[in-house]
Amino acid sequence: MVLYWHALGGTWTACDTPPPLVHGIALIRPTGPNICIFGQGGRLRLQLGPNQYALSENSPRISCIRGIASFGFRRRFTVKSSSGGVLFNHSYWTSQGRDFYRWLAAKAEDPDWRISCGRQWSEGVPAASLRA
C-alpha cells in the first residue's frame, strides 16, 4: 500500500493514486504508534508517532533482541536516546514472515546505508525498488 505520511502527527492517509516516487517505509499497527523511516533533506529520519529523530551514528540507538525466557520466539524492539533514556519499547512474538523491527535495527547500524538511503529517499525512489 502506498500512503501519504503526515509528519506532524505521525498519521497517514492512503493514496488513491500512488505517487511515482516514495520517500520511506512505514509500519502501521492497530495499536501503538505508527513508525516511519523516511528521507528528508538528505538524511534519514525515524518517526515514532508524532516524535521525530534524525538517524545518526550514535543516536538514537535501535536494537532488536530475542527473549531468553521465550526460547527466542519473542523479541524486544527498543529505541534509546544517546543519554540512555527509552524513547520506544515494543515486545512481540516472532512470525514466519519478514520482520520490520529486526530489519530496521540491522539497517540502522550501517552508516553507509543511513547515508545512501537518506540521499536516495529524500529525492524519492520508485515503490518497486523499496519492496525488493
N, C-alpha and C. Protein backbone atom coordinates (compact mmCIF):
# COMPACT_ATOMS: atom_id res chain seq x y z
N MET A 1 0.85 -1.16 0.00
CA MET A 1 0.00 0.00 0.00
C MET A 1 0.90 1.23 0.00
N VAL A 2 0.53 2.23 -0.72
CA VAL A 2 1.25 3.50 -0.73
C VAL A 2 0.40 4.50 0.03
N LEU A 3 1.05 5.31 0.87
CA LEU A 3 0.31 6.25 1.68
C LEU A 3 1.00 7.60 1.73
N TYR A 4 0.25 8.58 2.14
CA TYR A 4 0.81 9.91 2.37
C TYR A 4 1.01 10.04 3.87
N TRP A 5 2.26 10.24 4.30
CA TRP A 5 2.61 10.31 5.71
C TRP A 5 2.47 11.74 6.20
N HIS A 6 1.74 11.95 7.28
CA HIS A 6 1.58 13.27 7.91
C HIS A 6 2.59 13.37 9.04
N ALA A 7 3.72 13.99 8.75
CA ALA A 7 4.85 14.02 9.69
C ALA A 7 4.52 14.72 10.99
N LEU A 8 3.67 15.70 10.99
CA LEU A 8 3.40 16.43 12.24
C LEU A 8 2.71 15.56 13.28
N GLY A 9 1.82 14.68 12.84
CA GLY A 9 1.08 13.87 13.80
C GLY A 9 1.43 12.40 13.80
N GLY A 10 2.27 11.97 12.86
CA GLY A 10 2.60 10.55 12.77
C GLY A 10 1.42 9.71 12.30
N THR A 11 0.58 10.32 11.48
CA THR A 11 -0.57 9.60 10.93
C THR A 11 -0.42 9.51 9.43
N TRP A 12 -1.37 8.89 8.76
CA TRP A 12 -1.25 8.65 7.34
C TRP A 12 -2.62 8.68 6.68
N THR A 13 -2.59 8.83 5.36
CA THR A 13 -3.77 8.74 4.52
C THR A 13 -3.40 7.88 3.32
N ALA A 14 -4.24 6.90 3.01
CA ALA A 14 -3.99 6.06 1.84
C ALA A 14 -4.10 6.90 0.57
N CYS A 15 -3.24 6.61 -0.40
CA CYS A 15 -3.26 7.32 -1.67
C CYS A 15 -4.19 6.62 -2.65
N ASP A 16 -5.13 7.37 -3.22
CA ASP A 16 -5.98 6.80 -4.27
C ASP A 16 -5.17 6.56 -5.53
N THR A 17 -4.31 7.52 -5.85
CA THR A 17 -3.41 7.40 -6.99
C THR A 17 -2.00 7.39 -6.43
N PRO A 18 -1.33 6.24 -6.47
CA PRO A 18 0.01 6.17 -5.90
C PRO A 18 0.96 7.18 -6.56
N PRO A 19 1.77 7.85 -5.76
CA PRO A 19 2.74 8.79 -6.34
C PRO A 19 3.83 8.02 -7.07
N PRO A 20 4.47 8.64 -8.06
CA PRO A 20 5.52 7.95 -8.81
C PRO A 20 6.76 7.65 -7.97
N LEU A 21 6.99 8.47 -6.93
CA LEU A 21 8.16 8.27 -6.08
C LEU A 21 7.73 8.21 -4.62
N VAL A 22 8.41 7.36 -3.85
CA VAL A 22 8.15 7.29 -2.41
C VAL A 22 9.42 7.71 -1.66
N HIS A 23 9.25 8.08 -0.40
CA HIS A 23 10.36 8.64 0.36
C HIS A 23 10.67 7.87 1.63
N GLY A 24 10.01 6.74 1.88
CA GLY A 24 10.30 5.99 3.08
C GLY A 24 9.42 4.77 3.22
N ILE A 25 9.52 4.16 4.39
CA ILE A 25 8.79 2.94 4.71
C ILE A 25 8.11 3.14 6.06
N ALA A 26 6.87 2.68 6.17
CA ALA A 26 6.13 2.83 7.43
C ALA A 26 5.59 1.49 7.89
N LEU A 27 5.45 1.36 9.21
CA LEU A 27 4.79 0.22 9.82
C LEU A 27 3.56 0.77 10.52
N ILE A 28 2.40 0.36 10.04
CA ILE A 28 1.14 0.82 10.59
C ILE A 28 0.54 -0.33 11.40
N ARG A 29 0.26 -0.08 12.67
CA ARG A 29 -0.31 -1.10 13.54
C ARG A 29 -1.62 -0.58 14.13
N PRO A 30 -2.54 -1.48 14.45
CA PRO A 30 -3.81 -1.02 15.03
C PRO A 30 -3.64 -0.41 16.42
N THR A 31 -2.61 -0.84 17.17
CA THR A 31 -2.35 -0.26 18.49
C THR A 31 -0.94 0.28 18.51
N GLY A 32 -0.71 1.21 19.39
CA GLY A 32 0.63 1.77 19.50
C GLY A 32 0.89 2.78 18.42
N PRO A 33 2.01 3.46 18.49
CA PRO A 33 2.30 4.50 17.49
C PRO A 33 2.69 3.90 16.13
N ASN A 34 2.35 4.63 15.08
CA ASN A 34 2.84 4.28 13.75
C ASN A 34 4.32 4.60 13.70
N ILE A 35 5.07 3.82 12.93
CA ILE A 35 6.51 4.01 12.81
C ILE A 35 6.83 4.25 11.34
N CYS A 36 7.65 5.25 11.09
CA CYS A 36 8.05 5.55 9.71
C CYS A 36 9.53 5.90 9.70
N ILE A 37 10.22 5.42 8.70
CA ILE A 37 11.60 5.83 8.45
C ILE A 37 11.59 6.43 7.06
N PHE A 38 12.06 7.68 6.95
CA PHE A 38 11.98 8.38 5.67
C PHE A 38 13.17 9.30 5.48
N GLY A 39 13.37 9.70 4.23
CA GLY A 39 14.44 10.63 3.89
C GLY A 39 13.91 12.04 3.82
N GLN A 40 14.66 12.97 4.41
CA GLN A 40 14.29 14.38 4.37
C GLN A 40 15.57 15.20 4.46
N GLY A 41 15.78 16.06 3.48
CA GLY A 41 16.97 16.90 3.49
C GLY A 41 18.27 16.12 3.42
N GLY A 42 18.25 14.96 2.76
CA GLY A 42 19.46 14.17 2.60
C GLY A 42 19.80 13.28 3.77
N ARG A 43 18.95 13.24 4.79
CA ARG A 43 19.19 12.41 5.98
C ARG A 43 17.99 11.53 6.26
N LEU A 44 18.25 10.42 6.93
CA LEU A 44 17.16 9.55 7.34
C LEU A 44 16.59 10.03 8.66
N ARG A 45 15.28 9.94 8.76
CA ARG A 45 14.58 10.31 9.99
C ARG A 45 13.72 9.13 10.41
N LEU A 46 13.66 8.91 11.71
CA LEU A 46 12.80 7.89 12.29
C LEU A 46 11.69 8.62 13.02
N GLN A 47 10.45 8.24 12.72
CA GLN A 47 9.33 8.86 13.40
C GLN A 47 8.54 7.79 14.14
N LEU A 48 8.31 8.02 15.42
CA LEU A 48 7.53 7.15 16.29
C LEU A 48 6.34 7.97 16.77
N GLY A 49 5.17 7.74 16.15
CA GLY A 49 4.03 8.61 16.43
C GLY A 49 4.37 10.01 15.98
N PRO A 50 4.16 11.03 16.83
CA PRO A 50 4.48 12.41 16.43
C PRO A 50 5.94 12.79 16.65
N ASN A 51 6.74 11.93 17.27
CA ASN A 51 8.12 12.26 17.60
C ASN A 51 9.09 11.84 16.49
N GLN A 52 9.93 12.78 16.07
CA GLN A 52 10.91 12.51 15.00
C GLN A 52 12.33 12.57 15.55
N TYR A 53 13.18 11.68 14.99
CA TYR A 53 14.58 11.62 15.39
C TYR A 53 15.43 11.44 14.13
N ALA A 54 16.50 12.24 14.01
CA ALA A 54 17.43 12.07 12.90
C ALA A 54 18.27 10.83 13.21
N LEU A 55 18.40 9.93 12.23
CA LEU A 55 19.23 8.74 12.42
C LEU A 55 20.69 9.11 12.18
N SER A 56 21.48 9.07 13.23
CA SER A 56 22.90 9.33 13.12
C SER A 56 23.65 8.15 13.69
N GLU A 57 24.96 8.26 13.74
CA GLU A 57 25.78 7.13 14.16
C GLU A 57 25.49 6.68 15.58
N ASN A 58 25.28 7.61 16.49
CA ASN A 58 25.13 7.24 17.89
C ASN A 58 23.75 7.49 18.48
N SER A 59 22.87 8.08 17.73
CA SER A 59 21.57 8.38 18.30
C SER A 59 20.51 8.41 17.20
N PRO A 60 19.36 7.91 17.42
CA PRO A 60 19.03 7.05 18.55
C PRO A 60 19.61 5.65 18.36
N ARG A 61 19.73 4.93 19.45
CA ARG A 61 20.23 3.55 19.39
C ARG A 61 19.04 2.61 19.24
N ILE A 62 19.09 1.80 18.19
CA ILE A 62 17.98 0.90 17.88
C ILE A 62 18.46 -0.53 18.05
N SER A 63 17.69 -1.33 18.78
CA SER A 63 18.07 -2.74 18.95
C SER A 63 16.83 -3.61 18.86
N CYS A 64 17.06 -4.85 18.48
CA CYS A 64 16.01 -5.85 18.42
C CYS A 64 16.63 -7.16 18.89
N ILE A 65 16.25 -7.61 20.08
CA ILE A 65 16.87 -8.80 20.66
C ILE A 65 15.82 -9.86 20.95
N ARG A 66 16.27 -11.11 20.93
CA ARG A 66 15.41 -12.25 21.25
C ARG A 66 15.31 -12.40 22.76
N GLY A 67 14.12 -12.78 23.21
CA GLY A 67 13.93 -13.03 24.63
C GLY A 67 14.42 -14.42 25.00
N ILE A 68 15.18 -14.51 26.07
CA ILE A 68 15.72 -15.79 26.50
C ILE A 68 14.63 -16.67 27.09
N ALA A 69 13.75 -16.09 27.89
CA ALA A 69 12.70 -16.87 28.56
C ALA A 69 11.70 -17.47 27.58
N SER A 70 11.59 -16.91 26.39
CA SER A 70 10.62 -17.40 25.39
C SER A 70 11.28 -18.30 24.35
N PHE A 71 12.51 -18.73 24.62
CA PHE A 71 13.27 -19.58 23.69
C PHE A 71 13.45 -18.92 22.33
N GLY A 72 13.50 -17.59 22.31
CA GLY A 72 13.74 -16.85 21.08
C GLY A 72 12.50 -16.57 20.25
N PHE A 73 11.31 -16.98 20.73
CA PHE A 73 10.09 -16.75 19.96
C PHE A 73 9.49 -15.37 20.21
N ARG A 74 10.01 -14.67 21.18
CA ARG A 74 9.54 -13.32 21.47
C ARG A 74 10.74 -12.38 21.35
N ARG A 75 10.51 -11.21 20.77
CA ARG A 75 11.57 -10.23 20.59
C ARG A 75 11.20 -8.91 21.24
N ARG A 76 12.23 -8.13 21.55
CA ARG A 76 12.03 -6.79 22.10
C ARG A 76 12.75 -5.79 21.22
N PHE A 77 11.98 -4.84 20.70
CA PHE A 77 12.49 -3.76 19.87
C PHE A 77 12.56 -2.52 20.76
N THR A 78 13.75 -1.89 20.81
CA THR A 78 13.95 -0.74 21.68
C THR A 78 14.66 0.37 20.93
N VAL A 79 14.20 1.59 21.16
CA VAL A 79 14.86 2.79 20.64
C VAL A 79 15.24 3.62 21.85
N LYS A 80 16.55 3.89 21.99
CA LYS A 80 17.06 4.66 23.13
C LYS A 80 17.73 5.94 22.64
N SER A 81 17.65 6.97 23.45
CA SER A 81 18.35 8.21 23.15
C SER A 81 19.83 8.04 23.47
N SER A 82 20.63 9.01 23.08
CA SER A 82 22.07 8.92 23.36
C SER A 82 22.36 8.95 24.86
N SER A 83 21.44 9.50 25.65
CA SER A 83 21.63 9.52 27.10
C SER A 83 21.17 8.23 27.77
N GLY A 84 20.59 7.32 26.98
CA GLY A 84 20.16 6.03 27.51
C GLY A 84 18.68 5.94 27.85
N GLY A 85 17.97 7.05 27.74
CA GLY A 85 16.53 7.03 28.01
C GLY A 85 15.78 6.28 26.92
N VAL A 86 14.76 5.53 27.29
CA VAL A 86 13.99 4.75 26.33
C VAL A 86 12.97 5.65 25.64
N LEU A 87 13.06 5.73 24.31
CA LEU A 87 12.13 6.51 23.51
C LEU A 87 10.95 5.66 23.05
N PHE A 88 11.21 4.37 22.83
CA PHE A 88 10.17 3.46 22.37
C PHE A 88 10.58 2.04 22.72
N ASN A 89 9.62 1.24 23.13
CA ASN A 89 9.88 -0.14 23.50
C ASN A 89 8.67 -0.97 23.08
N HIS A 90 8.93 -2.07 22.40
CA HIS A 90 7.82 -2.92 21.95
C HIS A 90 8.26 -4.37 21.98
N SER A 91 7.48 -5.21 22.63
CA SER A 91 7.76 -6.64 22.71
C SER A 91 6.73 -7.35 21.84
N TYR A 92 7.18 -8.37 21.07
CA TYR A 92 6.26 -9.03 20.14
C TYR A 92 6.71 -10.46 19.88
N TRP A 93 5.77 -11.27 19.42
CA TRP A 93 6.05 -12.66 19.04
C TRP A 93 6.59 -12.68 17.62
N THR A 94 7.59 -13.50 17.38
CA THR A 94 8.17 -13.61 16.04
C THR A 94 7.19 -14.34 15.13
N SER A 95 7.32 -14.07 13.85
CA SER A 95 6.46 -14.73 12.87
C SER A 95 7.31 -15.38 11.79
N GLN A 96 6.67 -16.02 10.86
CA GLN A 96 7.39 -16.68 9.77
C GLN A 96 7.80 -15.69 8.68
N GLY A 97 7.12 -14.56 8.59
CA GLY A 97 7.37 -13.62 7.50
C GLY A 97 8.49 -12.64 7.81
N ARG A 98 8.53 -11.58 7.04
CA ARG A 98 9.53 -10.54 7.22
C ARG A 98 9.29 -9.81 8.54
N ASP A 99 10.36 -9.39 9.16
CA ASP A 99 10.30 -8.74 10.46
C ASP A 99 10.79 -7.30 10.32
N PHE A 100 9.87 -6.35 10.31
CA PHE A 100 10.21 -4.93 10.14
C PHE A 100 11.17 -4.46 11.23
N TYR A 101 10.90 -4.81 12.47
CA TYR A 101 11.71 -4.34 13.58
C TYR A 101 13.16 -4.85 13.47
N ARG A 102 13.31 -6.13 13.18
CA ARG A 102 14.65 -6.70 13.05
C ARG A 102 15.38 -6.08 11.86
N TRP A 103 14.68 -5.90 10.77
CA TRP A 103 15.26 -5.28 9.57
C TRP A 103 15.74 -3.86 9.89
N LEU A 104 14.90 -3.08 10.55
CA LEU A 104 15.25 -1.70 10.86
C LEU A 104 16.44 -1.62 11.81
N ALA A 105 16.47 -2.46 12.83
CA ALA A 105 17.60 -2.46 13.77
C ALA A 105 18.91 -2.80 13.06
N ALA A 106 18.87 -3.78 12.18
CA ALA A 106 20.09 -4.18 11.46
C ALA A 106 20.55 -3.09 10.50
N LYS A 107 19.63 -2.52 9.75
CA LYS A 107 19.99 -1.49 8.77
C LYS A 107 20.47 -0.21 9.44
N ALA A 108 19.86 0.17 10.55
CA ALA A 108 20.23 1.43 11.22
C ALA A 108 21.65 1.41 11.75
N GLU A 109 22.22 0.23 11.96
CA GLU A 109 23.61 0.12 12.42
C GLU A 109 24.62 0.45 11.33
N ASP A 110 24.21 0.35 10.08
CA ASP A 110 25.12 0.51 8.94
C ASP A 110 25.20 1.98 8.50
N PRO A 111 26.34 2.66 8.74
CA PRO A 111 26.43 4.07 8.38
C PRO A 111 26.31 4.31 6.87
N ASP A 112 26.83 3.40 6.06
CA ASP A 112 26.70 3.57 4.61
C ASP A 112 25.24 3.52 4.17
N TRP A 113 24.47 2.63 4.77
CA TRP A 113 23.05 2.52 4.44
C TRP A 113 22.31 3.79 4.84
N ARG A 114 22.60 4.31 6.04
CA ARG A 114 21.94 5.53 6.50
C ARG A 114 22.23 6.69 5.55
N ILE A 115 23.48 6.82 5.12
CA ILE A 115 23.85 7.93 4.24
C ILE A 115 23.23 7.77 2.86
N SER A 116 23.39 6.58 2.25
CA SER A 116 22.87 6.40 0.89
C SER A 116 21.35 6.47 0.85
N CYS A 117 20.68 5.84 1.80
CA CYS A 117 19.21 5.88 1.80
C CYS A 117 18.70 7.27 2.15
N GLY A 118 19.40 7.99 3.01
CA GLY A 118 19.00 9.35 3.31
C GLY A 118 18.97 10.22 2.07
N ARG A 119 19.98 10.08 1.24
CA ARG A 119 20.03 10.84 -0.01
C ARG A 119 18.98 10.36 -1.01
N GLN A 120 18.95 9.04 -1.24
CA GLN A 120 18.01 8.48 -2.22
C GLN A 120 16.56 8.75 -1.84
N TRP A 121 16.21 8.47 -0.61
CA TRP A 121 14.82 8.60 -0.20
C TRP A 121 14.38 10.06 -0.15
N SER A 122 15.31 10.98 0.11
CA SER A 122 14.95 12.40 0.08
C SER A 122 14.51 12.81 -1.32
N GLU A 123 15.20 12.27 -2.32
CA GLU A 123 14.87 12.57 -3.71
C GLU A 123 13.65 11.78 -4.17
N GLY A 124 13.40 10.64 -3.55
CA GLY A 124 12.28 9.77 -3.93
C GLY A 124 12.77 8.64 -4.80
N VAL A 125 12.21 7.45 -4.57
CA VAL A 125 12.56 6.27 -5.35
C VAL A 125 11.28 5.56 -5.78
N PRO A 126 11.34 4.78 -6.87
CA PRO A 126 10.16 4.02 -7.28
C PRO A 126 9.76 3.03 -6.19
N ALA A 127 8.46 2.87 -5.96
CA ALA A 127 7.97 1.98 -4.90
C ALA A 127 8.50 0.55 -5.06
N ALA A 128 8.62 0.07 -6.28
CA ALA A 128 9.07 -1.31 -6.51
C ALA A 128 10.48 -1.53 -5.98
N SER A 129 11.33 -0.53 -6.03
CA SER A 129 12.71 -0.72 -5.56
C SER A 129 12.78 -0.81 -4.04
N LEU A 130 11.86 -0.19 -3.33
CA LEU A 130 11.82 -0.33 -1.86
C LEU A 130 11.33 -1.70 -1.44
N ARG A 131 10.50 -2.31 -2.22
CA ARG A 131 9.94 -3.62 -1.88
C ARG A 131 10.89 -4.75 -2.20
N ALA A 132 11.92 -4.48 -2.98
CA ALA A 132 12.87 -5.53 -3.38
C ALA A 132 13.79 -5.93 -2.25
